[in-house]
């Protein structure tokens, strides 16, 4: 897959330098938010732009203060503006993925980016998109064919050339797993938003 075939997730410009975009199979947006841990009395329908604005207003020290979820086909899309938890926090991804599967792409300019494929609470494949050779999880080779298809070389030489467009390739990998095509129409979806619980 060439760079010309790739694109960021729609709305990434708004989400800025830290965000997590995830996909949870066969759960409703309401159930995903409850499992994530939100103030249920703050649930309300919001648009994509309002989701970002509300998150900015309620930002926690190290996580999103307001997140949104929307139904897309058989999956629920979850957006954490300013957040990272569904990709790396076992206290969040374990309950959310219980009995189902979760695909997550996280951008974090002040730490490291992450791609996660989690099934029933267990990370099956996890890696930094810039270092697709350094995978972890219960079955780190599960996705190697799909990784090659999108240009995330599972045998990448860390001392060689850098992976170009790693986040775009991560979203292409997520699309290959979920079967979802990421178009600008996603920005028009009604999101169910809610404030996250403080620790």
Protein backbone atom coordinates (compact mmCIF):
# COMPACT_ATOMS: atom_id res chain seq x y z
CA UNK A 1 0.00 0.00 0.00
CA UNK A 2 1.54 3.29 -1.11
CA UNK A 3 1.34 6.59 0.81
CA UNK A 4 -1.09 7.85 -1.83
CA UNK A 5 -3.52 5.11 -0.77
CA UNK A 6 -3.40 6.17 2.87
CA UNK A 7 -5.23 8.81 4.86
CA UNK A 8 -5.51 9.78 8.48
CA UNK A 9 -8.68 9.06 10.38
CA UNK A 10 -11.21 11.80 9.49
CA UNK A 11 -11.01 14.69 11.93
CA UNK A 12 -7.48 13.97 13.12
CA UNK A 13 -6.61 17.66 12.72
CA UNK A 14 -9.16 18.53 15.38
CA UNK A 15 -7.95 15.78 17.71
CA UNK A 16 -4.43 17.25 17.69
CA UNK A 17 -1.36 15.62 19.29
CA UNK A 18 -2.89 13.11 21.74
CA UNK A 19 -5.90 10.97 20.95
CA UNK A 20 -7.16 7.42 20.87
CA UNK A 21 -9.59 6.09 18.24
CA UNK A 22 -10.95 2.62 18.98
CA UNK A 23 -13.48 0.14 17.65
CA UNK A 24 -15.43 -2.30 19.82
CA UNK A 25 -17.37 -5.12 18.18
CA UNK A 26 -21.02 -5.88 18.91
CA UNK A 27 -21.58 -3.53 21.85
CA UNK A 28 -23.81 -0.46 21.87
CA UNK A 29 -22.30 2.98 22.46
CA UNK A 30 -24.09 3.10 25.82
CA UNK A 31 -22.58 -0.19 26.95
CA UNK A 32 -19.09 0.78 25.80
CA UNK A 33 -19.26 4.05 27.74
CA UNK A 34 -20.50 2.30 30.86
CA UNK A 35 -17.71 -0.26 30.67
CA UNK A 36 -15.16 2.48 30.08
CA UNK A 37 -16.30 4.28 33.21
CA UNK A 38 -18.26 7.49 32.72
CA UNK A 39 -20.57 9.69 34.73
CA UNK A 40 -23.76 8.17 33.33
CA UNK A 41 -25.88 11.23 34.10
CA UNK A 42 -23.66 13.26 31.74
CA UNK A 43 -24.43 11.11 28.69
CA UNK A 44 -25.79 13.19 25.82
CA UNK A 45 -25.74 13.28 22.03
CA UNK A 46 -22.99 15.50 20.61
CA UNK A 47 -21.43 16.18 17.23
CA UNK A 48 -17.78 15.48 16.47
CA UNK A 49 -16.64 19.10 16.93
CA UNK A 50 -18.54 19.44 20.21
CA UNK A 51 -16.97 16.19 21.41
CA UNK A 52 -13.51 17.76 21.05
CA UNK A 53 -14.61 21.04 22.64
CA UNK A 54 -16.17 19.29 25.65
CA UNK A 55 -13.07 17.16 26.12
CA UNK A 56 -10.86 20.24 26.07
CA UNK A 57 -13.04 21.89 28.72
CA UNK A 58 -12.92 18.87 31.04
CA UNK A 59 -9.41 17.55 30.33
CA UNK A 60 -7.84 15.48 33.11
CA UNK A 61 -4.15 15.77 33.95
CA UNK A 62 -3.30 12.68 31.90
CA UNK A 63 -6.47 11.47 30.19
CA UNK A 64 -9.58 12.55 28.29
CA UNK A 65 -12.26 14.19 30.40
CA UNK A 66 -15.04 13.68 27.86
CA UNK A 67 -15.26 10.86 25.31
CA UNK A 68 -17.70 9.88 22.60
CA UNK A 69 -19.02 6.69 21.04
CA UNK A 70 -20.98 6.10 17.84
CA UNK A 71 -22.37 3.02 16.11
CA UNK A 72 -20.72 2.16 12.77
CA UNK A 73 -21.88 -1.13 11.27
CA UNK A 74 -21.20 -3.97 13.69
CA UNK A 75 -18.77 -1.83 15.66
CA UNK A 76 -18.87 1.07 18.08
CA UNK A 77 -16.36 3.80 17.35
CA UNK A 78 -14.87 5.39 20.48
CA UNK A 79 -12.99 8.69 20.35
CA UNK A 80 -10.86 9.90 23.27
CA UNK A 81 -9.69 13.45 22.43
CA UNK A 82 -6.58 14.04 24.52
CA UNK A 83 -6.75 10.45 25.76
CA UNK A 84 -4.93 7.15 25.38
CA UNK A 85 -6.55 4.69 27.77
CA UNK A 86 -8.27 2.17 25.50
CA UNK A 87 -4.94 1.33 23.87
CA UNK A 88 -2.79 0.94 26.98
CA UNK A 89 -4.71 0.99 30.27
CA UNK A 90 -5.70 -2.53 31.36
CA UNK A 91 -8.14 -1.06 33.85
CA UNK A 92 -10.07 0.34 30.88
CA UNK A 93 -9.52 -2.06 27.99
CA UNK A 94 -10.18 -5.20 30.06
CA UNK A 95 -13.82 -4.41 30.92
CA UNK A 96 -14.51 -2.77 27.56
CA UNK A 97 -13.29 -5.80 25.57
CA UNK A 98 -14.80 -8.46 27.83
CA UNK A 99 -16.55 -11.03 25.62
CA UNK A 100 -15.69 -9.14 22.45
CA UNK A 101 -12.79 -7.56 20.56
CA UNK A 102 -11.23 -4.12 20.50
CA UNK A 103 -9.03 -2.41 17.91
CA UNK A 104 -7.31 0.79 18.97
CA UNK A 105 -5.00 3.38 17.41
CA UNK A 106 -3.42 5.90 19.74
CA UNK A 107 -1.37 8.98 18.92
CA UNK A 108 0.71 10.42 21.75
CA UNK A 109 3.32 12.95 20.70
CA UNK A 110 4.84 13.11 24.22
CA UNK A 111 5.16 9.37 24.79
CA UNK A 112 4.74 6.76 22.05
CA UNK A 113 1.97 5.88 19.63
CA UNK A 114 0.25 2.51 19.93
CA UNK A 115 -1.73 -0.03 17.96
CA UNK A 116 -3.67 -2.58 19.99
CA UNK A 117 -5.79 -5.61 19.11
CA UNK A 118 -7.42 -6.90 22.29
CA UNK A 119 -9.79 -9.85 22.67
CA UNK A 120 -11.77 -10.59 25.84
CA UNK A 121 -9.49 -8.49 28.00
CA UNK A 122 -6.22 -9.89 26.63
CA UNK A 123 -3.88 -7.92 24.35
CA UNK A 124 -3.36 -10.24 21.38
CA UNK A 125 -1.18 -7.86 19.34
CA UNK A 126 0.31 -4.61 20.62
CA UNK A 127 3.04 -2.44 19.09
CA UNK A 128 4.31 1.05 18.48
CA UNK A 129 3.49 1.75 14.80
CA UNK A 130 7.01 3.14 14.34
CA UNK A 131 8.43 -0.20 15.55
CA UNK A 132 6.13 -2.91 14.15
CA UNK A 133 8.85 -5.52 14.63
CA UNK A 134 8.72 -5.07 18.43
CA UNK A 135 5.30 -6.60 19.03
CA UNK A 136 3.90 -8.02 22.23
CA UNK A 137 0.72 -9.82 23.21
CA UNK A 138 -0.61 -13.35 23.50
CA UNK A 139 -0.27 -13.95 19.73
CA UNK A 140 1.99 -11.18 18.37
CA UNK A 141 2.14 -12.72 14.89
CA UNK A 142 -1.65 -12.92 14.46
CA UNK A 143 -1.81 -9.90 12.15
CA UNK A 144 1.50 -10.12 10.26
CA UNK A 145 -0.12 -10.68 6.84
CA UNK A 146 -2.44 -7.70 7.27
CA UNK A 147 0.47 -5.64 8.59
CA UNK A 148 2.50 -6.36 5.47
CA UNK A 149 -0.46 -5.40 3.27
CA UNK A 150 -0.59 -1.90 4.78
CA UNK A 151 3.19 -1.36 4.96
CA UNK A 152 3.78 -2.03 8.67
CA UNK A 153 6.61 -4.47 8.07
CA UNK A 154 6.55 -7.01 10.91
CA UNK A 155 10.25 -7.67 10.22
CA UNK A 156 11.17 -3.99 10.15
CA UNK A 157 14.83 -3.24 10.83
CA UNK A 158 14.86 -0.72 13.69
CA UNK A 159 18.32 0.44 12.58
CA UNK A 160 17.18 1.03 9.01
CA UNK A 161 14.80 3.51 7.42
CA UNK A 162 11.87 4.71 9.49
CA UNK A 163 8.33 3.54 8.77
CA UNK A 164 6.68 6.28 6.74
CA UNK A 165 3.15 7.35 7.70
CA UNK A 166 2.89 4.91 10.63
CA UNK A 167 -0.42 6.24 11.97
CA UNK A 168 -2.08 6.23 8.56
CA UNK A 169 -0.89 2.64 8.12
CA UNK A 170 -2.26 1.79 11.57
CA UNK A 171 -5.68 3.09 10.60
CA UNK A 172 -5.46 1.06 7.38
CA UNK A 173 -4.73 -1.99 9.53
CA UNK A 174 -7.71 -1.17 11.76
CA UNK A 175 -9.86 -0.88 8.64
CA UNK A 176 -8.65 -4.30 7.45
CA UNK A 177 -9.64 -5.88 10.77
CA UNK A 178 -13.00 -4.14 11.21
CA UNK A 179 -14.05 -4.01 7.56
CA UNK A 180 -14.93 -0.33 8.03
CA UNK A 181 -14.07 2.31 5.46
CA UNK A 182 -13.08 5.56 7.15
CA UNK A 183 -14.67 8.42 5.23
CA UNK A 184 -15.54 11.98 6.19
CA UNK A 185 -19.11 10.76 6.75
CA UNK A 186 -17.92 9.56 10.15
CA UNK A 187 -17.71 13.20 11.24
CA UNK A 188 -21.46 13.54 10.70
CA UNK A 189 -22.37 10.67 13.02
CA UNK A 190 -24.29 11.38 16.21
CA UNK A 191 -21.93 10.57 19.08
CA UNK A 192 -23.06 9.63 22.55
CA UNK A 193 -20.70 11.59 24.78
CA UNK A 194 -20.04 11.52 28.51
CA UNK A 195 -17.59 12.73 31.12
CA UNK A 196 -15.12 10.13 32.28
CA UNK A 197 -14.78 9.14 35.92
CA UNK A 198 -11.92 10.69 37.85
CA UNK A 199 -9.48 8.35 39.61
